[in-house]
Amino acid sequence: MKLDRIISNPNRMNGQPSIRNLRLTVRRVIELLATYPNREELRQEFPELEDEDIQQALIFASSYLSDACGGQSQRIIELPNRYETVV
């Protein structure tokens, strides 16, 4: 599975997985989804955040939780080569 909108750069956001070149971590996007259940309100507050960004953040988080909880499927998430890989 390739998530081309999720990056990890040790020089940005303390190396946390982030969305594109935005200053939004995957964790923050998940928090925003809980805070703004209405996507229209979320889009008004964060117009730079696209639907594909949200989808990939959810996929990344669910894959991380599956692996962390001893999930049966082991997935490898590929990130762009120009950044460090997060496993």
Protein backbone atom coordinates (compact mmCIF):
# COMPACT_ATOMS: atom_id res chain seq x y z
CA MET A 1 0.00 0.00 0.00
CA LYS A 2 1.42 3.37 -0.96
CA LEU A 3 0.33 6.51 0.85
CA ASP A 4 1.81 9.29 -1.23
CA ARG A 5 0.36 12.13 0.87
CA ILE A 6 1.86 10.95 4.16
CA ILE A 7 5.45 12.00 4.72
CA SER A 8 7.93 11.72 7.53
CA ASN A 9 10.81 14.18 7.56
CA PRO A 10 13.02 14.39 10.66
CA ASN A 11 13.41 18.14 10.06
CA ARG A 12 9.64 18.84 10.05
CA MET A 13 7.11 18.32 12.80
CA ASN A 14 9.70 16.34 14.83
CA GLY A 15 9.59 13.56 12.24
CA GLN A 16 5.94 12.76 12.92
CA PRO A 17 3.95 11.42 9.94
CA SER A 18 2.41 14.48 8.29
CA ILE A 19 0.14 15.38 5.41
CA ARG A 20 2.02 16.51 2.28
CA ASN A 21 4.03 19.64 3.04
CA LEU A 22 1.37 20.99 5.38
CA ARG A 23 2.03 21.55 9.04
CA LEU A 24 -0.61 18.97 9.90
CA THR A 25 0.35 15.62 11.39
CA VAL A 26 -1.70 12.50 10.81
CA ARG A 27 -2.54 12.59 14.51
CA ARG A 28 -3.86 16.15 14.21
CA VAL A 29 -6.03 15.23 11.22
CA ILE A 30 -7.60 12.39 13.21
CA GLU A 31 -8.20 14.81 16.11
CA LEU A 32 -9.79 17.30 13.71
CA LEU A 33 -12.16 14.64 12.39
CA ALA A 34 -13.33 14.05 15.95
CA THR A 35 -13.64 17.79 16.63
CA TYR A 36 -15.39 18.65 13.35
CA PRO A 37 -17.87 15.85 12.59
CA ASN A 38 -19.28 18.12 9.86
CA ARG A 39 -16.75 18.02 7.00
CA GLU A 40 -17.95 21.38 5.67
CA GLU A 41 -16.90 23.07 8.92
CA LEU A 42 -13.57 21.27 8.75
CA ARG A 43 -13.06 22.51 5.17
CA GLN A 44 -13.84 26.08 6.26
CA GLU A 45 -11.24 25.97 9.03
CA PHE A 46 -8.63 24.02 7.03
CA PRO A 47 -9.22 24.67 3.31
CA GLU A 48 -5.81 23.21 2.43
CA LEU A 49 -6.88 19.78 3.71
CA GLU A 50 -8.24 17.66 0.86
CA ASP A 51 -10.49 14.60 0.99
CA GLU A 52 -7.63 12.38 -0.19
CA ASP A 53 -5.48 13.69 2.70
CA ILE A 54 -8.18 12.68 5.17
CA GLN A 55 -8.63 9.27 3.58
CA GLN A 56 -4.91 8.51 3.67
CA ALA A 57 -4.61 9.71 7.28
CA LEU A 58 -7.40 7.31 8.26
CA ILE A 59 -5.80 4.42 6.36
CA PHE A 60 -2.42 5.17 7.96
CA ALA A 61 -3.91 5.35 11.46
CA SER A 62 -5.91 2.15 11.03
CA SER A 63 -2.84 0.31 9.70
CA TYR A 64 -0.78 1.54 12.64
CA LEU A 65 -3.43 0.41 15.13
CA SER A 66 -3.77 -2.97 13.46
CA ASP A 67 -0.03 -3.58 13.69
CA ALA A 68 0.27 -2.17 17.22
CA CYS A 69 -2.55 -4.38 18.48
CA GLY A 70 -1.09 -7.55 17.03
CA GLY A 71 -3.39 -7.49 14.02
CA GLN A 72 -3.34 -10.54 11.84
CA SER A 73 -2.34 -8.71 8.69
CA GLN A 74 1.12 -7.18 8.59
CA ARG A 75 1.14 -4.27 6.16
CA ILE A 76 4.04 -2.28 4.86
CA ILE A 77 3.29 1.35 4.21
CA GLU A 78 5.51 2.95 1.60
CA LEU A 79 6.34 6.63 1.94
CA PRO A 80 8.14 8.79 -0.62
CA ASN A 81 11.84 7.92 -0.78
CA ARG A 82 12.99 11.44 -0.06
CA TYR A 83 11.86 11.15 3.56
CA GLU A 84 12.47 8.67 6.34
CA THR A 85 10.08 5.72 6.41
CA VAL A 86 7.75 5.34 9.37
CA VAL A 87 6.97 1.78 10.36
